[in-house]
Amino acid sequence: MSSDATLQQIAESIPKSVLNATDKDLEGFQKIIEESIKLRESHRNLQKLVKNYSTSMIQRS
């Protein structure tokens, strides 16, 4: 079973403060989300690099 939230669960959990936010606030929030996604992707890529490096070092041994 996956622990990922569904889009509906995410939408239902949006606080009223976000729903009532100004456009400027939402733009800032969007930038935070975008950077968080980039960070998550970078972290995944780093994990792959470390795994590949570790695997190649083991194979050379």
PDB file of N, CA and C in Angstrom:
ATOM      1  N   MET A   1       0.846  -1.190   0.000  1.00  0.00           N
ATOM      2  CA  MET A   1       0.000   0.000   0.000  1.00  0.00           C
ATOM      3  C   MET A   1       0.885   1.244   0.000  1.00  0.00           C
ATOM      4  N   SER A   2       0.533   2.220  -0.783  1.00  0.00           N
ATOM      5  CA  SER A   2       1.310   3.440  -0.913  1.00  0.00           C
ATOM      6  C   SER A   2       0.921   4.441   0.169  1.00  0.00           C
ATOM      7  N   SER A   3       1.919   5.176   0.659  1.00  0.00           N
ATOM      8  CA  SER A   3       1.637   6.189   1.682  1.00  0.00           C
ATOM      9  C   SER A   3       1.483   7.576   1.060  1.00  0.00           C
ATOM     10  N   ASP A   4       1.528   7.657  -0.261  1.00  0.00           N
ATOM     11  CA  ASP A   4       1.372   8.942  -0.938  1.00  0.00           C
ATOM     12  C   ASP A   4      -0.060   9.454  -0.792  1.00  0.00           C
ATOM     13  N   ALA A   5      -0.163  10.753  -0.560  1.00  0.00           N
ATOM     14  CA  ALA A   5      -1.482  11.377  -0.440  1.00  0.00           C
ATOM     15  C   ALA A   5      -2.099  11.538  -1.825  1.00  0.00           C
ATOM     16  N   THR A   6      -3.397  11.370  -1.896  1.00  0.00           N
ATOM     17  CA  THR A   6      -4.087  11.598  -3.164  1.00  0.00           C
ATOM     18  C   THR A   6      -4.297  13.090  -3.348  1.00  0.00           C
ATOM     19  N   LEU A   7      -4.570  13.483  -4.565  1.00  0.00           N
ATOM     20  CA  LEU A   7      -4.819  14.896  -4.848  1.00  0.00           C
ATOM     21  C   LEU A   7      -6.010  15.402  -4.040  1.00  0.00           C
ATOM     22  N   GLN A   8      -7.019  14.565  -3.890  1.00  0.00           N
ATOM     23  CA  GLN A   8      -8.195  14.964  -3.106  1.00  0.00           C
ATOM     24  C   GLN A   8      -7.820  15.189  -1.643  1.00  0.00           C
ATOM     25  N   GLN A   9      -6.993  14.304  -1.081  1.00  0.00           N
ATOM     26  CA  GLN A   9      -6.568  14.465   0.308  1.00  0.00           C
ATOM     27  C   GLN A   9      -5.773  15.760   0.488  1.00  0.00           C
ATOM     28  N   ILE A  10      -4.933  16.051  -0.485  1.00  0.00           N
ATOM     29  CA  ILE A  10      -4.147  17.291  -0.409  1.00  0.00           C
ATOM     30  C   ILE A  10      -5.072  18.499  -0.475  1.00  0.00           C
ATOM     31  N   ALA A  11      -6.023  18.478  -1.413  1.00  0.00           N
ATOM     32  CA  ALA A  11      -6.959  19.600  -1.563  1.00  0.00           C
ATOM     33  C   ALA A  11      -7.789  19.794  -0.304  1.00  0.00           C
ATOM     34  N   GLU A  12      -8.217  18.708   0.312  1.00  0.00           N
ATOM     35  CA  GLU A  12      -9.045  18.808   1.516  1.00  0.00           C
ATOM     36  C   GLU A  12      -8.263  19.307   2.718  1.00  0.00           C
ATOM     37  N   SER A  13      -6.945  19.161   2.680  1.00  0.00           N
ATOM     38  CA  SER A  13      -6.144  19.569   3.832  1.00  0.00           C
ATOM     39  C   SER A  13      -5.579  20.985   3.696  1.00  0.00           C
ATOM     40  N   ILE A  14      -5.931  21.678   2.617  1.00  0.00           N
ATOM     41  CA  ILE A  14      -5.449  23.054   2.436  1.00  0.00           C
ATOM     42  C   ILE A  14      -6.108  23.954   3.485  1.00  0.00           C
ATOM     43  N   PRO A  15      -5.295  24.617   4.293  1.00  0.00           N
ATOM     44  CA  PRO A  15      -5.875  25.489   5.327  1.00  0.00           C
ATOM     45  C   PRO A  15      -6.546  26.722   4.721  1.00  0.00           C
ATOM     46  N   LYS A  16      -7.487  27.264   5.469  1.00  0.00           N
ATOM     47  CA  LYS A  16      -8.213  28.462   5.004  1.00  0.00           C
ATOM     48  C   LYS A  16      -7.274  29.632   4.778  1.00  0.00           C
ATOM     49  N   SER A  17      -6.191  29.691   5.530  1.00  0.00           N
ATOM     50  CA  SER A  17      -5.242  30.795   5.344  1.00  0.00           C
ATOM     51  C   SER A  17      -4.653  30.786   3.937  1.00  0.00           C
ATOM     52  N   VAL A  18      -4.467  29.605   3.365  1.00  0.00           N
ATOM     53  CA  VAL A  18      -3.964  29.526   1.989  1.00  0.00           C
ATOM     54  C   VAL A  18      -5.072  29.891   1.015  1.00  0.00           C
ATOM     55  N   LEU A  19      -6.264  29.432   1.285  1.00  0.00           N
ATOM     56  CA  LEU A  19      -7.386  29.741   0.396  1.00  0.00           C
ATOM     57  C   LEU A  19      -7.688  31.233   0.363  1.00  0.00           C
ATOM     58  N   ASN A  20      -7.434  31.926   1.468  1.00  0.00           N
ATOM     59  CA  ASN A  20      -7.711  33.360   1.561  1.00  0.00           C
ATOM     60  C   ASN A  20      -6.476  34.225   1.316  1.00  0.00           C
ATOM     61  N   ALA A  21      -5.384  33.611   0.883  1.00  0.00           N
ATOM     62  CA  ALA A  21      -4.131  34.344   0.687  1.00  0.00           C
ATOM     63  C   ALA A  21      -4.211  35.270  -0.521  1.00  0.00           C
ATOM     64  N   THR A  22      -3.368  36.284  -0.494  1.00  0.00           N
ATOM     65  CA  THR A  22      -3.283  37.207  -1.631  1.00  0.00           C
ATOM     66  C   THR A  22      -2.506  36.545  -2.767  1.00  0.00           C
ATOM     67  N   ASP A  23      -2.604  37.151  -3.944  1.00  0.00           N
ATOM     68  CA  ASP A  23      -1.849  36.635  -5.086  1.00  0.00           C
ATOM     69  C   ASP A  23      -0.349  36.625  -4.793  1.00  0.00           C
ATOM     70  N   LYS A  24       0.126  37.678  -4.136  1.00  0.00           N
ATOM     71  CA  LYS A  24       1.548  37.771  -3.813  1.00  0.00           C
ATOM     72  C   LYS A  24       1.955  36.639  -2.864  1.00  0.00           C
ATOM     73  N   ASP A  25       1.128  36.367  -1.870  1.00  0.00           N
ATOM     74  CA  ASP A  25       1.404  35.266  -0.941  1.00  0.00           C
ATOM     75  C   ASP A  25       1.442  33.935  -1.680  1.00  0.00           C
ATOM     76  N   LEU A  26       0.499  33.743  -2.588  1.00  0.00           N
ATOM     77  CA  LEU A  26       0.437  32.493  -3.345  1.00  0.00           C
ATOM     78  C   LEU A  26       1.631  32.333  -4.271  1.00  0.00           C
ATOM     79  N   GLU A  27       2.092  33.436  -4.848  1.00  0.00           N
ATOM     80  CA  GLU A  27       3.288  33.378  -5.697  1.00  0.00           C
ATOM     81  C   GLU A  27       4.498  32.941  -4.865  1.00  0.00           C
ATOM     82  N   GLY A  28       4.605  33.474  -3.659  1.00  0.00           N
ATOM     83  CA  GLY A  28       5.693  33.067  -2.772  1.00  0.00           C
ATOM     84  C   GLY A  28       5.574  31.603  -2.389  1.00  0.00           C
ATOM     85  N   PHE A  29       4.368  31.178  -2.097  1.00  0.00           N
ATOM     86  CA  PHE A  29       4.128  29.779  -1.745  1.00  0.00           C
ATOM     87  C   PHE A  29       4.465  28.872  -2.927  1.00  0.00           C
ATOM     88  N   GLN A  30       4.100  29.308  -4.133  1.00  0.00           N
ATOM     89  CA  GLN A  30       4.402  28.524  -5.330  1.00  0.00           C
ATOM     90  C   GLN A  30       5.910  28.377  -5.516  1.00  0.00           C
ATOM     91  N   LYS A  31       6.665  29.439  -5.261  1.00  0.00           N
ATOM     92  CA  LYS A  31       8.125  29.368  -5.377  1.00  0.00           C
ATOM     93  C   LYS A  31       8.694  28.377  -4.371  1.00  0.00           C
ATOM     94  N   ILE A  32       8.138  28.383  -3.161  1.00  0.00           N
ATOM     95  CA  ILE A  32       8.591  27.431  -2.145  1.00  0.00           C
ATOM     96  C   ILE A  32       8.330  26.001  -2.599  1.00  0.00           C
ATOM     97  N   ILE A  33       7.147  25.757  -3.147  1.00  0.00           N
ATOM     98  CA  ILE A  33       6.801  24.420  -3.642  1.00  0.00           C
ATOM     99  C   ILE A  33       7.743  24.012  -4.772  1.00  0.00           C
ATOM    100  N   GLU A  34       7.968  24.909  -5.721  1.00  0.00           N
ATOM    101  CA  GLU A  34       8.842  24.608  -6.855  1.00  0.00           C
ATOM    102  C   GLU A  34      10.255  24.272  -6.393  1.00  0.00           C
ATOM    103  N   GLU A  35      10.779  25.052  -5.454  1.00  0.00           N
ATOM    104  CA  GLU A  35      12.126  24.786  -4.949  1.00  0.00           C
ATOM    105  C   GLU A  35      12.165  23.492  -4.145  1.00  0.00           C
ATOM    106  N   SER A  36      11.087  23.190  -3.441  1.00  0.00           N
ATOM    107  CA  SER A  36      11.016  21.925  -2.691  1.00  0.00           C
ATOM    108  C   SER A  36      11.047  20.732  -3.640  1.00  0.00           C
ATOM    109  N   ILE A  37      10.361  20.865  -4.770  1.00  0.00           N
ATOM    110  CA  ILE A  37      10.356  19.795  -5.765  1.00  0.00           C
ATOM    111  C   ILE A  37      11.758  19.624  -6.352  1.00  0.00           C
ATOM    112  N   LYS A  38      12.419  20.730  -6.655  1.00  0.00           N
ATOM    113  CA  LYS A  38      13.787  20.658  -7.178  1.00  0.00           C
ATOM    114  C   LYS A  38      14.711  19.986  -6.168  1.00  0.00           C
ATOM    115  N   LEU A  39      14.549  20.348  -4.905  1.00  0.00           N
ATOM    116  CA  LEU A  39      15.376  19.767  -3.854  1.00  0.00           C
ATOM    117  C   LEU A  39      15.136  18.270  -3.742  1.00  0.00           C
ATOM    118  N   ARG A  40      13.873  17.858  -3.798  1.00  0.00           N
ATOM    119  CA  ARG A  40      13.543  16.433  -3.717  1.00  0.00           C
ATOM    120  C   ARG A  40      14.150  15.674  -4.891  1.00  0.00           C
ATOM    121  N   GLU A  41      14.042  16.248  -6.106  1.00  0.00           N
ATOM    122  CA  GLU A  41      14.616  15.601  -7.285  1.00  0.00           C
ATOM    123  C   GLU A  41      16.135  15.518  -7.170  1.00  0.00           C
ATOM    124  N   SER A  42      16.755  16.585  -6.672  1.00  0.00           N
ATOM    125  CA  SER A  42      18.205  16.576  -6.484  1.00  0.00           C
ATOM    126  C   SER A  42      18.617  15.517  -5.479  1.00  0.00           C
ATOM    127  N   HIS A  43      17.851  15.388  -4.422  1.00  0.00           N
ATOM    128  CA  HIS A  43      18.147  14.379  -3.404  1.00  0.00           C
ATOM    129  C   HIS A  43      18.056  12.976  -3.995  1.00  0.00           C
ATOM    130  N   ARG A  44      17.028  12.740  -4.807  1.00  0.00           N
ATOM    131  CA  ARG A  44      16.892  11.433  -5.461  1.00  0.00           C
ATOM    132  C   ARG A  44      18.070  11.167  -6.392  1.00  0.00           C
ATOM    133  N   ASN A  45      18.469  12.194  -7.143  1.00  0.00           N
ATOM    134  CA  ASN A  45      19.601  12.034  -8.050  1.00  0.00           C
ATOM    135  C   ASN A  45      20.891  11.755  -7.283  1.00  0.00           C
ATOM    136  N   LEU A  46      21.070  12.437  -6.166  1.00  0.00           N
ATOM    137  CA  LEU A  46      22.243  12.207  -5.333  1.00  0.00           C
ATOM    138  C   LEU A  46      22.242  10.773  -4.798  1.00  0.00           C
ATOM    139  N   GLN A  47      21.085  10.292  -4.356  1.00  0.00           N
ATOM    140  CA  GLN A  47      20.998   8.917  -3.874  1.00  0.00           C
ATOM    141  C   GLN A  47      21.378   7.928  -4.970  1.00  0.00           C
ATOM    142  N   LYS A  48      20.922   8.183  -6.203  1.00  0.00           N
ATOM    143  CA  LYS A  48      21.267   7.306  -7.320  1.00  0.00           C
ATOM    144  C   LYS A  48      22.770   7.330  -7.587  1.00  0.00           C
ATOM    145  N   LEU A  49      23.369   8.533  -7.556  1.00  0.00           N
ATOM    146  CA  LEU A  49      24.805   8.647  -7.778  1.00  0.00           C
ATOM    147  C   LEU A  49      25.595   7.885  -6.725  1.00  0.00           C
ATOM    148  N   VAL A  50      25.204   8.029  -5.478  1.00  0.00           N
ATOM    149  CA  VAL A  50      25.893   7.331  -4.384  1.00  0.00           C
ATOM    150  C   VAL A  50      25.743   5.822  -4.551  1.00  0.00           C
ATOM    151  N   LYS A  51      24.542   5.379  -4.884  1.00  0.00           N
ATOM    152  CA  LYS A  51      24.308   3.945  -5.074  1.00  0.00           C
ATOM    153  C   LYS A  51      25.147   3.413  -6.227  1.00  0.00           C
ATOM    154  N   ASN A  52      25.149   4.143  -7.354  1.00  0.00           N
ATOM    155  CA  ASN A  52      25.941   3.715  -8.506  1.00  0.00           C
ATOM    156  C   ASN A  52      27.431   3.696  -8.185  1.00  0.00           C
ATOM    157  N   TYR A  53      27.895   4.705  -7.462  1.00  0.00           N
ATOM    158  CA  TYR A  53      29.302   4.757  -7.072  1.00  0.00           C
ATOM    159  C   TYR A  53      29.647   3.586  -6.162  1.00  0.00           C
ATOM    160  N   SER A  54      28.778   3.334  -5.193  1.00  0.00           N
ATOM    161  CA  SER A  54      29.016   2.230  -4.266  1.00  0.00           C
ATOM    162  C   SER A  54      29.041   0.904  -5.010  1.00  0.00           C
ATOM    163  N   THR A  55      28.119   0.731  -5.935  1.00  0.00           N
ATOM    164  CA  THR A  55      28.046  -0.507  -6.708  1.00  0.00           C
ATOM    165  C   THR A  55      29.307  -0.682  -7.554  1.00  0.00           C
ATOM    166  N   SER A  56      29.773   0.410  -8.175  1.00  0.00           N
ATOM    167  CA  SER A  56      30.966   0.310  -9.017  1.00  0.00           C
ATOM    168  C   SER A  56      32.206   0.023  -8.175  1.00  0.00           C
ATOM    169  N   MET A  57      32.262   0.569  -6.966  1.00  0.00           N
ATOM    170  CA  MET A  57      33.407   0.310  -6.080  1.00  0.00           C
ATOM    171  C   MET A  57      33.398  -1.152  -5.631  1.00  0.00           C
ATOM    172  N   ILE A  58      32.229  -1.714  -5.357  1.00  0.00           N
ATOM    173  CA  ILE A  58      32.127  -3.100  -4.936  1.00  0.00           C
ATOM    174  C   ILE A  58      32.545  -4.019  -6.086  1.00  0.00           C
ATOM    175  N   GLN A  59      32.130  -3.693  -7.306  1.00  0.00           N
ATOM    176  CA  GLN A  59      32.457  -4.516  -8.461  1.00  0.00           C
ATOM    177  C   GLN A  59      33.960  -4.473  -8.760  1.00  0.00           C
ATOM    178  N   ARG A  60      34.616  -3.372  -8.450  1.00  0.00           N
ATOM    179  CA  ARG A  60      36.070  -3.264  -8.686  1.00  0.00           C
ATOM    180  C   ARG A  60      36.858  -4.058  -7.665  1.00  0.00           C
ATOM    181  N   SER A  61      36.251  -4.315  -6.529  1.00  0.00           N
ATOM    182  CA  SER A  61      36.967  -5.032  -5.448  1.00  0.00           C
ATOM    183  C   SER A  61      37.197  -6.476  -5.792  1.00  0.00           C
TER     184      SER A  61
END
